[in-house]
Amino acid sequence: MRAERLTDSICYHGEGPSWSPTWGGLRWVDMLAGDVLQRGEDGAITRIPTPSRVVACVRPAADGGAVMALEKGFGREDADGTITALPPLWSEPVRMNEGAVAPDGSFLCGSMAYDQRRGAAAMWRLHPDGRSERLFGGLTISNGLAFTADGARAFFVDTPSGRVDLFDWDDEAGLVERRPFVDLATEDGHPDGLCLDAEGNVWVAMNGGGQVLGLDAAEAVAERIEVGARQVTACTFGGEDLATLFITTSRENLPAEEDPAAGSLFAATPGVTGDPTLRLYGA
């Protein structure tokens, strides 16, 4: 299967796609530009600046706005579109990278050091009451995070490990009991963002490999989606029927003439639908 290219190369580092009817469709980020992008029903793209030079992840909130991970902490978008940065959580050369809304309505996001220093990153949690806490450290490039429909488990990627891991979820302790799910070190590319479909299969963007892998419950690669850009960063199911897999790509560190489709938004219809569970920050 080959993904369709939906846009020109409009992002330097496209990441973190999320579909929600609460904001009218698909949003993703041009991470290192500090902008959120939104795709309308007619395919038109709106670029929404944030007060940060980095916006790593954006997810819907119960009040009609959004919650987001900025360079060194969290931010909130009110229902009227006003974006406010919350106080920074650290001063070191580390930035937020990727996250998800948890079953209790909190927002989790992991980080990475700008120099990708091993063990310098951490997982952070923004509670519905606005409290922030560091859950654990020892990460390097904290990437894809997605919760199962029943809220009992979460799939997670720390990219240099070459694996997709599993956590259990506890409303008090957060992510606990980490263990390997599947090793993708022999596949082309490095695991990056991920999402789940309604059947519980895991879809993983393989950065540097120009593909998205569909992993079944037996931990086998059941589907490969070819993407016309090598640096595939993340994916999410969307559309009214949740049957479209939207895929973001990056042209970070690429010469201008190399990989001309890098930074574009792609889409595929793999024959399954996304998990209909809509988790909202603050709910």
C-alpha atoms as a PDB file:
ATOM      1  CA  MET A   1       0.000   0.000   0.000  1.00  0.00           C
ATOM      2  CA  ARG A   2       1.213   3.492  -0.825  1.00  0.00           C
ATOM      3  CA  ALA A   3       0.120   6.678   0.946  1.00  0.00           C
ATOM      4  CA  GLU A   4      -1.298   9.603  -1.014  1.00  0.00           C
ATOM      5  CA  ARG A   5       0.399  12.979  -0.728  1.00  0.00           C
ATOM      6  CA  LEU A   6      -2.179  15.547   0.456  1.00  0.00           C
ATOM      7  CA  THR A   7      -0.131  18.760   0.671  1.00  0.00           C
ATOM      8  CA  ASP A   8       3.007  20.388  -0.586  1.00  0.00           C
ATOM      9  CA  SER A   9       6.081  20.406   1.637  1.00  0.00           C
ATOM     10  CA  ILE A  10       4.579  22.872   4.118  1.00  0.00           C
ATOM     11  CA  CYS A  11       6.408  21.844   7.298  1.00  0.00           C
ATOM     12  CA  TYR A  12      10.039  21.791   8.317  1.00  0.00           C
ATOM     13  CA  HIS A  13       9.313  19.220  11.009  1.00  0.00           C
ATOM     14  CA  GLY A  14       5.719  17.972  10.801  1.00  0.00           C
ATOM     15  CA  GLU A  15       4.662  15.954  13.850  1.00  0.00           C
ATOM     16  CA  GLY A  16       1.937  14.963  16.299  1.00  0.00           C
ATOM     17  CA  PRO A  17      -1.258  14.632  14.189  1.00  0.00           C
ATOM     18  CA  SER A  18      -4.558  14.367  16.058  1.00  0.00           C
ATOM     19  CA  TRP A  19      -8.136  14.175  14.793  1.00  0.00           C
ATOM     20  CA  SER A  20     -10.959  15.637  16.869  1.00  0.00           C
ATOM     21  CA  PRO A  21     -14.465  16.832  15.957  1.00  0.00           C
ATOM     22  CA  THR A  22     -14.135  19.318  18.831  1.00  0.00           C
ATOM     23  CA  TRP A  23     -11.820  21.419  16.662  1.00  0.00           C
ATOM     24  CA  GLY A  24     -13.255  20.418  13.320  1.00  0.00           C
ATOM     25  CA  GLY A  25     -10.884  17.789  11.995  1.00  0.00           C
ATOM     26  CA  LEU A  26      -7.130  17.295  11.778  1.00  0.00           C
ATOM     27  CA  ARG A  27      -4.419  19.214  13.578  1.00  0.00           C
ATOM     28  CA  TRP A  28      -0.685  18.622  13.629  1.00  0.00           C
ATOM     29  CA  VAL A  29       2.398  20.710  14.398  1.00  0.00           C
ATOM     30  CA  ASP A  30       5.299  22.272  12.546  1.00  0.00           C
ATOM     31  CA  MET A  31       7.260  21.563  15.691  1.00  0.00           C
ATOM     32  CA  LEU A  32      10.404  23.672  15.366  1.00  0.00           C
ATOM     33  CA  ALA A  33       8.482  26.615  13.901  1.00  0.00           C
ATOM     34  CA  GLY A  34       6.229  26.757  16.970  1.00  0.00           C
ATOM     35  CA  ASP A  35       3.063  26.515  14.836  1.00  0.00           C
ATOM     36  CA  VAL A  36      -0.066  24.360  14.948  1.00  0.00           C
ATOM     37  CA  LEU A  37      -1.578  23.458  11.567  1.00  0.00           C
ATOM     38  CA  GLN A  38      -5.237  22.694  10.944  1.00  0.00           C
ATOM     39  CA  ARG A  39      -6.721  21.124   7.811  1.00  0.00           C
ATOM     40  CA  GLY A  40     -10.250  22.181   6.941  1.00  0.00           C
ATOM     41  CA  GLU A  41     -12.928  20.058   5.274  1.00  0.00           C
ATOM     42  CA  ASP A  42     -12.003  21.678   1.940  1.00  0.00           C
ATOM     43  CA  GLY A  43      -8.334  20.789   2.404  1.00  0.00           C
ATOM     44  CA  ALA A  44      -7.304  24.363   3.203  1.00  0.00           C
ATOM     45  CA  ILE A  45      -4.508  24.668   5.768  1.00  0.00           C
ATOM     46  CA  THR A  46      -4.572  27.217   8.596  1.00  0.00           C
ATOM     47  CA  ARG A  47      -1.336  27.952  10.454  1.00  0.00           C
ATOM     48  CA  ILE A  48      -1.770  28.925  14.121  1.00  0.00           C
ATOM     49  CA  PRO A  49       1.280  30.446  15.866  1.00  0.00           C
ATOM     50  CA  THR A  50       1.979  29.724  19.538  1.00  0.00           C
ATOM     51  CA  PRO A  51       3.989  31.822  22.047  1.00  0.00           C
ATOM     52  CA  SER A  52       6.816  29.254  21.929  1.00  0.00           C
ATOM     53  CA  ARG A  53       9.546  28.519  19.411  1.00  0.00           C
ATOM     54  CA  VAL A  54       8.586  24.825  19.762  1.00  0.00           C
ATOM     55  CA  VAL A  55       5.159  23.213  19.881  1.00  0.00           C
ATOM     56  CA  ALA A  56       5.595  19.466  20.161  1.00  0.00           C
ATOM     57  CA  CYS A  57       2.085  18.109  20.547  1.00  0.00           C
ATOM     58  CA  VAL A  58      -1.529  19.355  20.612  1.00  0.00           C
ATOM     59  CA  ARG A  59      -4.580  17.474  21.897  1.00  0.00           C
ATOM     60  CA  PRO A  60      -8.253  18.443  22.434  1.00  0.00           C
ATOM     61  CA  ALA A  61      -9.532  19.700  25.779  1.00  0.00           C
ATOM     62  CA  ALA A  62     -12.920  19.200  27.413  1.00  0.00           C
ATOM     63  CA  ASP A  63     -13.646  22.955  27.474  1.00  0.00           C
ATOM     64  CA  GLY A  64     -13.507  23.161  23.679  1.00  0.00           C
ATOM     65  CA  GLY A  65      -9.925  24.374  23.484  1.00  0.00           C
ATOM     66  CA  ALA A  66      -6.718  22.388  23.467  1.00  0.00           C
ATOM     67  CA  VAL A  67      -3.752  21.424  25.566  1.00  0.00           C
ATOM     68  CA  MET A  68      -0.275  21.474  24.085  1.00  0.00           C
ATOM     69  CA  ALA A  69       3.343  20.743  24.859  1.00  0.00           C
ATOM     70  CA  LEU A  70       5.609  23.726  24.223  1.00  0.00           C
ATOM     71  CA  GLU A  71       9.394  23.862  24.337  1.00  0.00           C
ATOM     72  CA  LYS A  72       9.945  23.575  28.095  1.00  0.00           C
ATOM     73  CA  GLY A  73       6.494  22.848  29.456  1.00  0.00           C
ATOM     74  CA  PHE A  74       2.789  22.905  28.751  1.00  0.00           C
ATOM     75  CA  GLY A  75       0.333  25.378  27.266  1.00  0.00           C
ATOM     76  CA  ARG A  76      -3.424  25.853  26.968  1.00  0.00           C
ATOM     77  CA  GLU A  77      -5.640  27.085  24.159  1.00  0.00           C
ATOM     78  CA  ASP A  78      -8.974  28.523  25.296  1.00  0.00           C
ATOM     79  CA  ALA A  79     -12.146  27.923  23.319  1.00  0.00           C
ATOM     80  CA  ASP A  80     -11.762  31.420  21.813  1.00  0.00           C
ATOM     81  CA  GLY A  81      -8.323  30.518  20.417  1.00  0.00           C
ATOM     82  CA  THR A  82      -6.192  32.347  22.983  1.00  0.00           C
ATOM     83  CA  ILE A  83      -3.003  30.374  23.688  1.00  0.00           C
ATOM     84  CA  THR A  84      -1.250  30.710  27.046  1.00  0.00           C
ATOM     85  CA  ALA A  85       2.099  29.182  27.979  1.00  0.00           C
ATOM     86  CA  LEU A  86       2.252  27.671  31.456  1.00  0.00           C
ATOM     87  CA  PRO A  87       5.409  28.218  33.576  1.00  0.00           C
ATOM     88  CA  PRO A  88       8.491  26.372  32.242  1.00  0.00           C
ATOM     89  CA  LEU A  89       9.388  23.102  33.949  1.00  0.00           C
ATOM     90  CA  TRP A  90      13.161  23.162  33.345  1.00  0.00           C
ATOM     91  CA  SER A  91      15.967  25.381  32.032  1.00  0.00           C
ATOM     92  CA  GLU A  92      18.250  22.758  30.463  1.00  0.00           C
ATOM     93  CA  PRO A  93      18.625  22.395  26.635  1.00  0.00           C
ATOM     94  CA  VAL A  94      15.774  19.878  26.510  1.00  0.00           C
ATOM     95  CA  ARG A  95      12.434  20.208  24.706  1.00  0.00           C
ATOM     96  CA  MET A  96       9.073  18.468  24.747  1.00  0.00           C
ATOM     97  CA  ASN A  97       8.527  15.926  21.984  1.00  0.00           C
ATOM     98  CA  GLU A  98       5.373  13.769  21.937  1.00  0.00           C
ATOM     99  CA  GLY A  99       2.421  12.854  24.137  1.00  0.00           C
ATOM    100  CA  ALA A 100      -1.206  11.827  24.645  1.00  0.00           C
ATOM    101  CA  VAL A 101      -4.232  12.407  26.852  1.00  0.00           C
ATOM    102  CA  ALA A 102      -4.460   9.735  29.555  1.00  0.00           C
ATOM    103  CA  PRO A 103      -7.600   7.903  30.734  1.00  0.00           C
ATOM    104  CA  ASP A 104      -8.005  10.231  33.741  1.00  0.00           C
ATOM    105  CA  GLY A 105      -7.983  13.350  31.541  1.00  0.00           C
ATOM    106  CA  SER A 106      -4.393  14.333  32.304  1.00  0.00           C
ATOM    107  CA  PHE A 107      -1.932  15.143  29.515  1.00  0.00           C
ATOM    108  CA  LEU A 108       1.339  13.247  29.274  1.00  0.00           C
ATOM    109  CA  CYS A 109       4.293  14.326  27.182  1.00  0.00           C
ATOM    110  CA  GLY A 110       7.870  13.103  26.999  1.00  0.00           C
ATOM    111  CA  SER A 111      10.932  15.156  26.174  1.00  0.00           C
ATOM    112  CA  MET A 112      14.315  14.897  24.463  1.00  0.00           C
ATOM    113  CA  ALA A 113      17.626  16.756  24.732  1.00  0.00           C
ATOM    114  CA  TYR A 114      18.553  18.894  21.736  1.00  0.00           C
ATOM    115  CA  ASP A 115      21.789  16.914  21.451  1.00  0.00           C
ATOM    116  CA  GLN A 116      19.828  13.645  21.900  1.00  0.00           C
ATOM    117  CA  ARG A 117      21.895  12.842  24.965  1.00  0.00           C
ATOM    118  CA  ARG A 118      21.050   9.393  26.275  1.00  0.00           C
ATOM    119  CA  GLY A 119      18.962   9.368  29.441  1.00  0.00           C
ATOM    120  CA  ALA A 120      18.449  13.142  29.542  1.00  0.00           C
ATOM    121  CA  ALA A 121      14.717  13.067  28.776  1.00  0.00           C
ATOM    122  CA  ALA A 122      11.697  12.466  31.010  1.00  0.00           C
ATOM    123  CA  MET A 123       7.949  11.866  30.982  1.00  0.00           C
ATOM    124  CA  TRP A 124       5.821  14.731  32.303  1.00  0.00           C
ATOM    125  CA  ARG A 125       2.175  14.913  33.368  1.00  0.00           C
ATOM    126  CA  LEU A 126      -0.211  17.868  33.409  1.00  0.00           C
ATOM    127  CA  HIS A 127      -3.128  17.019  35.703  1.00  0.00           C
ATOM    128  CA  PRO A 128      -6.674  18.260  34.972  1.00  0.00           C
ATOM    129  CA  ASP A 129      -6.331  20.654  37.935  1.00  0.00           C
ATOM    130  CA  GLY A 130      -3.272  22.285  36.327  1.00  0.00           C
ATOM    131  CA  ARG A 131      -0.579  20.634  38.461  1.00  0.00           C
ATOM    132  CA  SER A 132       2.532  19.443  36.613  1.00  0.00           C
ATOM    133  CA  GLU A 133       4.796  16.612  37.690  1.00  0.00           C
ATOM    134  CA  ARG A 134       7.733  14.625  36.385  1.00  0.00           C
ATOM    135  CA  LEU A 135       6.708  10.964  36.244  1.00  0.00           C
ATOM    136  CA  PHE A 136      10.102   9.399  35.498  1.00  0.00           C
ATOM    137  CA  GLY A 137      13.369  10.042  33.691  1.00  0.00           C
ATOM    138  CA  GLY A 138      15.997   7.973  31.933  1.00  0.00           C
ATOM    139  CA  LEU A 139      14.499   8.466  28.464  1.00  0.00           C
ATOM    140  CA  THR A 140      16.356   9.641  25.371  1.00  0.00           C
ATOM    141  CA  ILE A 141      13.886  10.522  22.574  1.00  0.00           C
ATOM    142  CA  SER A 142      10.448  10.046  24.094  1.00  0.00           C
ATOM    143  CA  ASN A 143       8.113   9.513  21.169  1.00  0.00           C
ATOM    144  CA  GLY A 144       4.829   7.784  20.329  1.00  0.00           C
ATOM    145  CA  LEU A 145       2.348   7.254  23.167  1.00  0.00           C
ATOM    146  CA  ALA A 146      -1.165   5.807  22.786  1.00  0.00           C
ATOM    147  CA  PHE A 147      -3.632   4.308  25.267  1.00  0.00           C
ATOM    148  CA  THR A 148      -5.788   1.246  24.685  1.00  0.00           C
ATOM    149  CA  ALA A 149      -9.552   1.740  24.463  1.00  0.00           C
ATOM    150  CA  ASP A 150     -10.098   0.312  27.951  1.00  0.00           C
ATOM    151  CA  GLY A 151      -7.474   2.644  29.416  1.00  0.00           C
ATOM    152  CA  ALA A 152      -5.572  -0.227  31.009  1.00  0.00           C
ATOM    153  CA  ARG A 153      -2.377  -0.033  28.956  1.00  0.00           C
ATOM    154  CA  ALA A 154      -0.299   2.328  26.834  1.00  0.00           C
ATOM    155  CA  PHE A 155       2.048   1.690  23.919  1.00  0.00           C
ATOM    156  CA  PHE A 156       5.217   3.787  23.949  1.00  0.00           C
ATOM    157  CA  VAL A 157       8.359   4.446  21.906  1.00  0.00           C
ATOM    158  CA  ASP A 158      11.735   5.713  23.107  1.00  0.00           C
ATOM    159  CA  THR A 159      13.227   5.849  19.614  1.00  0.00           C
ATOM    160  CA  PRO A 160      16.861   4.758  20.235  1.00  0.00           C
ATOM    161  CA  SER A 161      15.611   1.524  21.825  1.00  0.00           C
ATOM    162  CA  GLY A 162      14.304   0.377  18.434  1.00  0.00           C
ATOM    163  CA  ARG A 163      11.246  -1.022  20.238  1.00  0.00           C
ATOM    164  CA  VAL A 164       7.600  -0.435  20.964  1.00  0.00           C
ATOM    165  CA  ASP A 165       7.020  -0.938  24.702  1.00  0.00           C
ATOM    166  CA  LEU A 166       3.959  -1.453  26.881  1.00  0.00           C
ATOM    167  CA  PHE A 167       3.019   0.255  30.151  1.00  0.00           C
ATOM    168  CA  ASP A 168       0.151  -0.364  32.517  1.00  0.00           C
ATOM    169  CA  TRP A 169      -1.859   2.703  33.543  1.00  0.00           C
ATOM    170  CA  ASP A 170      -2.663   3.691  37.115  1.00  0.00           C
ATOM    171  CA  ASP A 171      -4.639   6.877  37.785  1.00  0.00           C
ATOM    172  CA  GLU A 172      -2.458   7.718  40.773  1.00  0.00           C
ATOM    173  CA  ALA A 173       1.010   6.535  39.723  1.00  0.00           C
ATOM    174  CA  GLY A 174       0.623   7.064  35.973  1.00  0.00           C
ATOM    175  CA  LEU A 175       2.604   4.812  33.623  1.00  0.00           C
ATOM    176  CA  VAL A 176       3.929   1.723  35.419  1.00  0.00           C
ATOM    177  CA  GLU A 177       5.355  -1.747  34.676  1.00  0.00           C
ATOM    178  CA  ARG A 178       7.184  -0.978  31.436  1.00  0.00           C
ATOM    179  CA  ARG A 179       8.067  -4.015  29.303  1.00  0.00           C
ATOM    180  CA  PRO A 180       8.910  -4.671  25.615  1.00  0.00           C
ATOM    181  CA  PHE A 181       6.106  -5.286  23.108  1.00  0.00           C
ATOM    182  CA  VAL A 182       7.968  -5.668  19.812  1.00  0.00           C
ATOM    183  CA  ASP A 183      11.541  -5.076  18.635  1.00  0.00           C
ATOM    184  CA  LEU A 184      11.728  -3.219  15.307  1.00  0.00           C
ATOM    185  CA  ALA A 185      15.518  -2.823  15.191  1.00  0.00           C
ATOM    186  CA  THR A 186      15.799  -4.947  12.027  1.00  0.00           C
ATOM    187  CA  GLU A 187      13.179  -2.896  10.148  1.00  0.00           C
ATOM    188  CA  ASP A 188      14.015  -0.009   7.823  1.00  0.00           C
ATOM    189  CA  GLY A 189      13.847   3.191   9.855  1.00  0.00           C
ATOM    190  CA  HIS A 190      13.429   3.989  13.537  1.00  0.00           C
ATOM    191  CA  PRO A 191      10.125   3.864  15.455  1.00  0.00           C
ATOM    192  CA  ASP A 192       8.677   7.329  16.016  1.00  0.00           C
ATOM    193  CA  GLY A 193       5.010   8.269  16.542  1.00  0.00           C
ATOM    194  CA  LEU A 194       2.248   5.677  16.769  1.00  0.00           C
ATOM    195  CA  CYS A 195      -1.506   5.199  17.071  1.00  0.00           C
ATOM    196  CA  LEU A 196      -4.012   2.389  17.600  1.00  0.00           C
ATOM    197  CA  ASP A 197      -6.936   1.208  15.491  1.00  0.00           C
ATOM    198  CA  ALA A 198     -10.322  -0.016  16.743  1.00  0.00           C
ATOM    199  CA  GLU A 199      -9.080  -3.612  16.769  1.00  0.00           C
ATOM    200  CA  GLY A 200      -6.118  -2.782  19.000  1.00  0.00           C
ATOM    201  CA  ASN A 201      -3.476  -3.011  16.274  1.00  0.00           C
ATOM    202  CA  VAL A 202      -0.528  -0.616  16.531  1.00  0.00           C
ATOM    203  CA  TRP A 203       0.515   1.636  13.629  1.00  0.00           C
ATOM    204  CA  VAL A 204       4.091   2.928  13.887  1.00  0.00           C
ATOM    205  CA  ALA A 205       5.773   5.660  11.829  1.00  0.00           C
ATOM    206  CA  MET A 206       9.289   4.537  10.875  1.00  0.00           C
ATOM    207  CA  ASN A 207      11.478   7.629  10.664  1.00  0.00           C
ATOM    208  CA  GLY A 208      14.172   7.247   8.018  1.00  0.00           C
ATOM    209  CA  GLY A 209      12.388   4.253   6.520  1.00  0.00           C
ATOM    210  CA  GLY A 210       9.684   5.959   4.477  1.00  0.00           C
ATOM    211  CA  GLN A 211       6.970   3.702   5.872  1.00  0.00           C
ATOM    212  CA  VAL A 212       4.301   3.069   8.484  1.00  0.00           C
ATOM    213  CA  LEU A 213       4.093  -0.431   9.937  1.00  0.00           C
ATOM    214  CA  GLY A 214       0.868  -2.060  11.127  1.00  0.00           C
ATOM    215  CA  LEU A 215       1.547  -4.457  14.022  1.00  0.00           C
ATOM    216  CA  ASP A 216      -1.038  -7.055  15.047  1.00  0.00           C
ATOM    217  CA  ALA A 217      -1.704  -8.639  18.440  1.00  0.00           C
ATOM    218  CA  ALA A 218       0.816 -11.372  17.650  1.00  0.00           C
ATOM    219  CA  GLU A 219       3.512  -8.666  17.455  1.00  0.00           C
ATOM    220  CA  ALA A 220       3.953  -9.303  13.729  1.00  0.00           C
ATOM    221  CA  VAL A 221       4.141  -6.745  10.912  1.00  0.00           C
ATOM    222  CA  ALA A 222       0.761  -7.249   9.228  1.00  0.00           C
ATOM    223  CA  GLU A 223       0.821  -4.190   6.954  1.00  0.00           C
ATOM    224  CA  ARG A 224       3.350  -1.837   5.393  1.00  0.00           C
ATOM    225  CA  ILE A 225       2.370   1.560   4.054  1.00  0.00           C
ATOM    226  CA  GLU A 226       4.929   3.166   1.793  1.00  0.00           C
ATOM    227  CA  VAL A 227       5.267   6.943   2.256  1.00  0.00           C
ATOM    228  CA  GLY A 228       6.841   9.205  -0.351  1.00  0.00           C
ATOM    229  CA  ALA A 229       9.196  10.869   2.152  1.00  0.00           C
ATOM    230  CA  ARG A 230      11.838   9.146   4.235  1.00  0.00           C
ATOM    231  CA  GLN A 231      11.427  10.962   7.548  1.00  0.00           C
ATOM    232  CA  VAL A 232       7.997   9.684   8.583  1.00  0.00           C
ATOM    233  CA  THR A 233       7.221  11.065  12.031  1.00  0.00           C
ATOM    234  CA  ALA A 234       3.718  10.155  13.245  1.00  0.00           C
ATOM    235  CA  CYS A 235       0.248   8.967  12.271  1.00  0.00           C
ATOM    236  CA  THR A 236      -3.365   9.103  13.430  1.00  0.00           C
ATOM    237  CA  PHE A 237      -6.740   7.881  12.202  1.00  0.00           C
ATOM    238  CA  GLY A 238      -9.283  10.506  11.237  1.00  0.00           C
ATOM    239  CA  GLY A 239     -12.099  11.501   8.943  1.00  0.00           C
ATOM    240  CA  GLU A 240     -15.782  11.224   9.886  1.00  0.00           C
ATOM    241  CA  ASP A 241     -15.560   7.418   9.706  1.00  0.00           C
ATOM    242  CA  LEU A 242     -12.033   7.303  11.205  1.00  0.00           C
ATOM    243  CA  ALA A 243     -10.951   5.251   8.190  1.00  0.00           C
ATOM    244  CA  THR A 244      -8.144   7.549   6.993  1.00  0.00           C
ATOM    245  CA  LEU A 245      -4.639   7.220   8.405  1.00  0.00           C
ATOM    246  CA  PHE A 246      -3.038  10.671   8.291  1.00  0.00           C
ATOM    247  CA  ILE A 247       0.768  10.635   8.251  1.00  0.00           C
ATOM    248  CA  THR A 248       3.173  13.491   8.999  1.00  0.00           C
ATOM    249  CA  THR A 249       6.707  13.857   7.663  1.00  0.00           C
ATOM    250  CA  SER A 250       9.758  16.028   8.278  1.00  0.00           C
ATOM    251  CA  ARG A 251      12.526  17.643   6.292  1.00  0.00           C
ATOM    252  CA  GLU A 252      14.634  18.466   9.335  1.00  0.00           C
ATOM    253  CA  ASN A 253      18.361  18.554   8.459  1.00  0.00           C
ATOM    254  CA  LEU A 254      17.696  17.813   4.768  1.00  0.00           C
ATOM    255  CA  PRO A 255      19.285  19.868   1.950  1.00  0.00           C
ATOM    256  CA  ALA A 256      16.723  21.870  -0.015  1.00  0.00           C
ATOM    257  CA  GLU A 257      16.945  19.648  -3.108  1.00  0.00           C
ATOM    258  CA  GLU A 258      16.770  16.327  -1.257  1.00  0.00           C
ATOM    259  CA  ASP A 259      13.537  14.335  -0.714  1.00  0.00           C
ATOM    260  CA  PRO A 260      11.214  17.027  -2.168  1.00  0.00           C
ATOM    261  CA  ALA A 261       8.033  15.579  -0.615  1.00  0.00           C
ATOM    262  CA  ALA A 262       9.494  15.695   2.913  1.00  0.00           C
ATOM    263  CA  GLY A 263       7.428  17.952   5.168  1.00  0.00           C
ATOM    264  CA  SER A 264       4.175  17.022   3.414  1.00  0.00           C
ATOM    265  CA  LEU A 265       1.045  15.495   4.909  1.00  0.00           C
ATOM    266  CA  PHE A 266       0.136  12.053   3.564  1.00  0.00           C
ATOM    267  CA  ALA A 267      -2.872   9.735   3.975  1.00  0.00           C
ATOM    268  CA  ALA A 268      -3.785   6.087   3.433  1.00  0.00           C
ATOM    269  CA  THR A 269      -6.876   3.901   3.893  1.00  0.00           C
ATOM    270  CA  PRO A 270      -5.595   0.606   5.315  1.00  0.00           C
ATOM    271  CA  GLY A 271      -9.037  -1.028   5.612  1.00  0.00           C
ATOM    272  CA  VAL A 272      -9.470  -0.557   9.368  1.00  0.00           C
ATOM    273  CA  THR A 273     -10.844   2.314  11.428  1.00  0.00           C
ATOM    274  CA  GLY A 274      -9.328   4.215  14.300  1.00  0.00           C
ATOM    275  CA  ASP A 275     -10.138   3.770  17.959  1.00  0.00           C
ATOM    276  CA  PRO A 276     -13.304   5.869  18.454  1.00  0.00           C
ATOM    277  CA  THR A 277     -12.396   6.623  22.088  1.00  0.00           C
ATOM    278  CA  LEU A 278     -12.036  10.404  22.299  1.00  0.00           C
ATOM    279  CA  ARG A 279      -9.947  11.403  25.291  1.00  0.00           C
ATOM    280  CA  LEU A 280     -10.138  15.051  26.243  1.00  0.00           C
ATOM    281  CA  TYR A 281      -7.778  16.879  28.555  1.00  0.00           C
ATOM    282  CA  GLY A 282      -9.603  17.823  31.726  1.00  0.00           C
ATOM    283  CA  ALA A 283     -12.452  15.351  31.227  1.00  0.00           C
END
